[in-house]
Amino acid sequence: MKLGGRVVVVTGGGNGIGAALSRRFAAEGARGVVVADVDADAAEGIAAEIQGLGVRADVCIESDIIRLVERTIATYGAIDLFCSNAGIGTAGGPETPDAEWQRIWQVHVMAHVYAARAVLPGMLARGEGYLLNTASAAGLLTMIGAAPYSVTKHAAVAFAEWLAITYGSRGIKVSCLCPLGVQTNMLAQTQGGPGEMLREDAITPEQVADAVIGGLQEERFLILPQPIVSEYFRRKAGDYDRWIRGMQRQQAKYLGPGL
């Protein structure tokens, strides 16, 4: 997919990766960029900068996603690319309160489900459309010290994979964005070992946006801004037990023997 003349929606578009994507899509000649964020001021600020449309939307609430899609179609006529990008960070293990598990599940999994429900009928009727779901390298590997994050990002990858398999023959393209460390507010707020580990080689949101443009042009399922993730994933699949032992060493280095 080339972005020229396209209509794009970006959730979590008010900052970080979402803001970088919104700016880059506009620079690539998108006909309309809709910046959605739970922070209305942030969404409207980025939208004003790129002459797009800012919309407040909480991706945890399905009716917000429906209204977002309806407003976009009313304004621009269709949606060519929906970027389900919003994300949050939650550390901890099984002791993490149910409310936190539910919240991150809503943001990282159900938000993608709500987006697909809302945009697929129109895309299928036209015989074309593109879904870009932001997951994480943690969805292919894991993130030490953060069970809720790792589990929900795995689920996000699985759902994107299912969409690609199920609707690919009907003109629907799907890409899953899986960055490693990125210089965002979320990473800056990540305390302790995991944050330290990821900050060592973190890239900018603009570098992620560069990778996304390349991935969309090639219509690749996995978009990996840091190519080393592909090698890690290959090693994991090639010898799962060896990979777990290696991750246990990372756990001991950054967090000690256990949570």
Protein backbone atom coordinates (compact mmCIF):
# COMPACT_ATOMS: atom_id res chain seq x y z
CA MET A 1 0.00 0.00 0.00
CA LYS A 2 1.10 3.51 -0.82
CA LEU A 3 -0.38 6.25 1.35
CA GLY A 4 -0.99 8.87 -1.33
CA GLY A 5 -4.69 9.71 -1.50
CA ARG A 6 -5.62 7.30 1.30
CA VAL A 7 -7.71 7.84 4.43
CA VAL A 8 -6.05 6.67 7.61
CA VAL A 9 -7.16 6.39 11.25
CA VAL A 10 -4.56 6.19 14.02
CA THR A 11 -5.57 5.38 17.60
CA GLY A 12 -3.20 6.43 20.33
CA GLY A 13 -2.23 9.12 17.84
CA GLY A 14 -1.65 11.94 20.31
CA ASN A 15 1.90 11.00 21.24
CA GLY A 16 4.72 8.52 20.78
CA ILE A 17 4.50 6.05 17.91
CA GLY A 18 0.96 7.15 17.03
CA ALA A 19 1.96 10.79 16.63
CA ALA A 20 4.95 9.82 14.49
CA LEU A 21 2.73 7.62 12.30
CA SER A 22 0.16 10.39 11.90
CA ARG A 23 2.81 12.90 10.83
CA ARG A 24 4.43 10.44 8.45
CA PHE A 25 1.15 9.41 6.82
CA ALA A 26 0.35 13.08 6.19
CA ALA A 27 3.84 13.62 4.73
CA GLU A 28 3.27 10.64 2.44
CA GLY A 29 0.25 12.38 0.94
CA ALA A 30 -2.67 10.76 2.75
CA ARG A 31 -5.96 12.43 1.80
CA GLY A 32 -7.14 12.34 5.39
CA VAL A 33 -5.49 11.43 8.69
CA VAL A 34 -7.75 10.98 11.70
CA VAL A 35 -5.86 11.23 14.97
CA ALA A 36 -7.70 9.50 17.79
CA ASP A 37 -6.64 9.52 21.42
CA VAL A 38 -8.16 9.35 24.88
CA ASP A 39 -6.41 12.71 25.42
CA ALA A 40 -8.53 15.02 23.26
CA ASP A 41 -6.06 17.93 23.44
CA ALA A 42 -3.19 15.73 22.27
CA ALA A 43 -5.26 14.34 19.39
CA GLU A 44 -6.39 17.78 18.28
CA GLY A 45 -2.87 19.17 18.57
CA ILE A 46 -1.36 16.59 16.23
CA ALA A 47 -4.35 16.87 13.88
CA ALA A 48 -4.00 20.64 13.66
CA GLU A 49 -0.30 20.25 12.88
CA ILE A 50 -0.98 17.96 9.90
CA GLN A 51 -4.35 19.39 8.80
CA GLY A 52 -6.09 16.23 9.89
CA LEU A 53 -9.07 15.47 12.11
CA GLY A 54 -8.66 15.04 15.87
CA VAL A 55 -11.13 12.81 17.71
CA ARG A 56 -11.31 11.84 21.34
CA ALA A 57 -11.77 8.08 21.63
CA ASP A 58 -11.22 5.59 24.43
CA VAL A 59 -10.29 2.35 22.66
CA CYS A 60 -11.57 0.34 25.64
CA ILE A 61 -15.12 1.45 24.82
CA GLU A 62 -16.57 -0.14 21.70
CA SER A 63 -19.08 2.65 21.16
CA ASP A 64 -16.18 5.14 20.98
CA ILE A 65 -14.58 3.09 18.20
CA ILE A 66 -17.89 2.88 16.35
CA ARG A 67 -18.32 6.66 16.58
CA LEU A 68 -14.73 7.16 15.44
CA VAL A 69 -15.32 5.05 12.35
CA GLU A 70 -18.66 6.70 11.61
CA ARG A 71 -17.19 10.19 11.93
CA THR A 72 -14.28 9.31 9.68
CA ILE A 73 -16.56 7.92 6.99
CA ALA A 74 -18.89 10.92 7.27
CA THR A 75 -15.90 13.23 6.79
CA TYR A 76 -13.82 11.38 4.21
CA GLY A 77 -16.14 8.75 2.71
CA ALA A 78 -14.16 5.62 3.59
CA ILE A 79 -11.28 4.20 5.65
CA ASP A 80 -8.39 2.70 3.73
CA LEU A 81 -6.05 2.00 6.65
CA PHE A 82 -6.97 1.61 10.31
CA CYS A 83 -4.01 1.70 12.68
CA SER A 84 -5.04 0.18 16.01
CA ASN A 85 -2.07 1.53 17.91
CA ALA A 86 -3.01 2.56 21.46
CA GLY A 87 -1.08 0.83 24.22
CA ILE A 88 -0.25 0.97 27.92
CA GLY A 89 2.35 -0.61 30.19
CA THR A 90 1.62 -2.80 33.21
CA ALA A 91 4.33 -4.59 35.16
CA GLY A 92 4.00 -7.45 37.61
CA GLY A 93 3.08 -11.11 37.57
CA PRO A 94 0.01 -13.19 38.52
CA GLU A 95 -0.40 -11.10 41.66
CA THR A 96 -1.34 -8.07 39.55
CA PRO A 97 -4.91 -7.06 40.49
CA ASP A 98 -7.73 -8.27 38.27
CA ALA A 99 -8.66 -4.70 37.41
CA GLU A 100 -5.20 -4.10 35.90
CA TRP A 101 -5.32 -7.36 33.95
CA GLN A 102 -8.74 -6.38 32.60
CA ARG A 103 -7.65 -2.85 31.70
CA ILE A 104 -4.60 -3.94 29.71
CA TRP A 105 -6.63 -6.71 28.05
CA GLN A 106 -9.13 -4.11 26.88
CA VAL A 107 -6.42 -1.81 25.47
CA HIS A 108 -4.16 -4.43 23.89
CA VAL A 109 -6.68 -7.00 22.69
CA MET A 110 -10.30 -5.90 22.69
CA ALA A 111 -9.43 -2.55 21.09
CA HIS A 112 -8.20 -4.51 18.04
CA VAL A 113 -11.38 -6.60 18.10
CA TYR A 114 -13.58 -3.50 18.30
CA ALA A 115 -11.67 -1.88 15.43
CA ALA A 116 -12.04 -4.97 13.23
CA ARG A 117 -15.76 -5.20 13.97
CA ALA A 118 -16.25 -1.57 13.05
CA VAL A 119 -14.18 -1.31 9.85
CA LEU A 120 -14.30 -4.77 8.28
CA PRO A 121 -17.87 -4.60 6.92
CA GLY A 122 -17.10 -1.53 4.84
CA MET A 123 -13.73 -2.84 3.73
CA LEU A 124 -15.16 -6.21 2.75
CA ALA A 125 -17.96 -4.54 0.81
CA ARG A 126 -15.34 -2.60 -1.19
CA GLY A 127 -13.09 -5.63 -1.53
CA GLU A 128 -10.08 -3.85 -0.06
CA GLY A 129 -8.74 -2.41 3.17
CA TYR A 130 -5.75 -2.51 5.47
CA LEU A 131 -5.43 -3.13 9.21
CA LEU A 132 -2.22 -2.22 11.02
CA ASN A 133 -2.23 -3.52 14.59
CA THR A 134 0.51 -2.39 16.94
CA ALA A 135 1.69 -5.20 19.19
CA SER A 136 5.29 -5.42 20.45
CA ALA A 137 8.37 -7.58 20.27
CA ALA A 138 7.02 -8.81 23.62
CA GLY A 139 4.24 -10.45 21.64
CA LEU A 140 6.78 -12.60 19.79
CA LEU A 141 9.23 -13.02 22.66
CA THR A 142 8.28 -11.81 26.16
CA MET A 143 9.02 -8.96 28.54
CA ILE A 144 10.63 -9.85 31.83
CA GLY A 145 8.85 -8.47 34.87
CA ALA A 146 5.62 -7.76 32.96
CA ALA A 147 3.25 -10.70 32.63
CA PRO A 148 0.14 -8.63 31.76
CA TYR A 149 2.01 -6.78 29.01
CA SER A 150 3.57 -9.94 27.58
CA VAL A 151 0.36 -11.98 27.64
CA THR A 152 -1.80 -9.33 26.00
CA LYS A 153 0.80 -8.53 23.34
CA HIS A 154 0.96 -12.23 22.46
CA ALA A 155 -2.81 -12.16 22.09
CA ALA A 156 -2.59 -9.07 19.88
CA VAL A 157 -0.20 -10.86 17.52
CA ALA A 158 -2.46 -13.92 17.47
CA PHE A 159 -5.53 -11.86 16.57
CA ALA A 160 -3.71 -10.03 13.78
CA GLU A 161 -2.48 -13.36 12.43
CA TRP A 162 -6.02 -14.74 12.47
CA LEU A 163 -7.35 -11.70 10.62
CA ALA A 164 -4.68 -12.06 7.94
CA ILE A 165 -5.47 -15.73 7.41
CA THR A 166 -9.23 -15.30 7.46
CA TYR A 167 -9.68 -12.22 5.29
CA GLY A 168 -6.60 -12.18 3.06
CA SER A 169 -8.44 -13.81 0.17
CA ARG A 170 -11.09 -11.07 0.33
CA GLY A 171 -8.79 -8.13 -0.25
CA ILE A 172 -7.96 -7.32 3.37
CA LYS A 173 -4.29 -6.74 4.19
CA VAL A 174 -3.02 -7.02 7.75
CA SER A 175 0.29 -5.98 9.29
CA CYS A 176 1.41 -6.42 12.88
CA LEU A 177 3.90 -3.87 14.19
CA CYS A 178 6.30 -5.36 16.76
CA PRO A 179 8.94 -2.87 17.92
CA LEU A 180 11.44 -3.49 20.69
CA GLY A 181 12.40 -0.45 22.79
CA VAL A 182 11.09 2.89 21.52
CA GLN A 183 11.82 6.31 23.01
CA THR A 184 8.29 7.09 24.21
CA ASN A 185 6.76 8.34 27.43
CA MET A 186 5.71 4.79 28.25
CA LEU A 187 9.30 3.55 28.09
CA ALA A 188 10.56 6.55 30.07
CA GLN A 189 8.09 5.68 32.84
CA THR A 190 9.10 2.00 32.92
CA GLN A 191 11.09 1.52 36.08
CA GLY A 192 13.70 -1.05 37.03
CA GLY A 193 15.32 -3.75 34.94
CA PRO A 194 12.95 -4.03 31.98
CA GLY A 195 13.11 -0.32 31.28
CA GLU A 196 16.88 -0.26 31.64
CA MET A 197 17.24 -3.18 29.24
CA LEU A 198 14.97 -1.66 26.59
CA ARG A 199 16.39 1.86 26.85
CA GLU A 200 19.88 0.63 25.95
CA ASP A 201 19.07 0.31 22.23
CA ALA A 202 15.76 2.16 21.97
CA ILE A 203 14.94 3.82 18.65
CA THR A 204 12.85 6.92 17.98
CA PRO A 205 9.15 6.89 17.06
CA GLU A 206 10.17 8.40 13.73
CA GLN A 207 12.34 5.37 13.01
CA VAL A 208 9.33 3.16 13.76
CA ALA A 209 7.27 5.23 11.30
CA ASP A 210 9.97 4.72 8.64
CA ALA A 211 9.74 0.96 9.15
CA VAL A 212 5.95 1.09 8.95
CA ILE A 213 6.02 2.89 5.60
CA GLY A 214 8.37 0.23 4.23
CA GLY A 215 6.28 -2.59 5.66
CA LEU A 216 3.04 -1.21 4.25
CA GLN A 217 4.57 -0.72 0.81
CA GLU A 218 5.70 -4.35 0.82
CA GLU A 219 2.49 -5.49 2.56
CA ARG A 220 4.46 -7.54 5.07
CA PHE A 221 2.61 -9.13 7.97
CA LEU A 222 5.36 -8.63 10.56
CA ILE A 223 6.84 -5.14 10.64
CA LEU A 224 9.97 -5.25 12.79
CA PRO A 225 11.66 -1.85 13.18
CA GLN A 226 14.60 -3.59 14.87
CA PRO A 227 15.64 -6.51 12.59
CA ILE A 228 17.32 -8.30 15.51
CA VAL A 229 13.83 -9.25 16.73
CA SER A 230 13.52 -11.58 13.74
CA GLU A 231 16.72 -13.33 14.79
CA TYR A 232 15.55 -13.64 18.39
CA PHE A 233 12.24 -15.07 17.16
CA ARG A 234 14.08 -17.57 14.95
CA ARG A 235 16.23 -18.69 17.89
CA LYS A 236 13.15 -19.08 20.07
CA ALA A 237 11.42 -21.28 17.49
CA GLY A 238 14.60 -23.26 16.82
CA ASP A 239 15.31 -24.21 20.43
CA TYR A 240 12.63 -23.11 22.86
CA ASP A 241 14.34 -24.51 25.95
CA ARG A 242 17.64 -22.81 25.14
CA TRP A 243 15.79 -19.54 24.56
CA ILE A 244 14.02 -19.80 27.93
CA ARG A 245 17.35 -20.41 29.66
CA GLY A 246 18.71 -17.29 27.99
CA MET A 247 15.71 -15.27 29.14
CA GLN A 248 16.15 -16.63 32.65
CA ARG A 249 19.66 -15.17 32.58
CA GLN A 250 18.21 -11.81 31.54
CA GLN A 251 15.72 -12.09 34.40
CA ALA A 252 18.51 -12.73 36.89
CA LYS A 253 20.62 -9.88 35.48
CA TYR A 254 17.95 -7.21 35.62
CA LEU A 255 15.46 -8.35 38.27
CA GLY A 256 17.08 -11.06 40.33
CA PRO A 257 15.92 -14.67 40.61
CA GLY A 258 12.19 -13.87 40.54
CA LEU A 259 9.47 -11.33 41.23
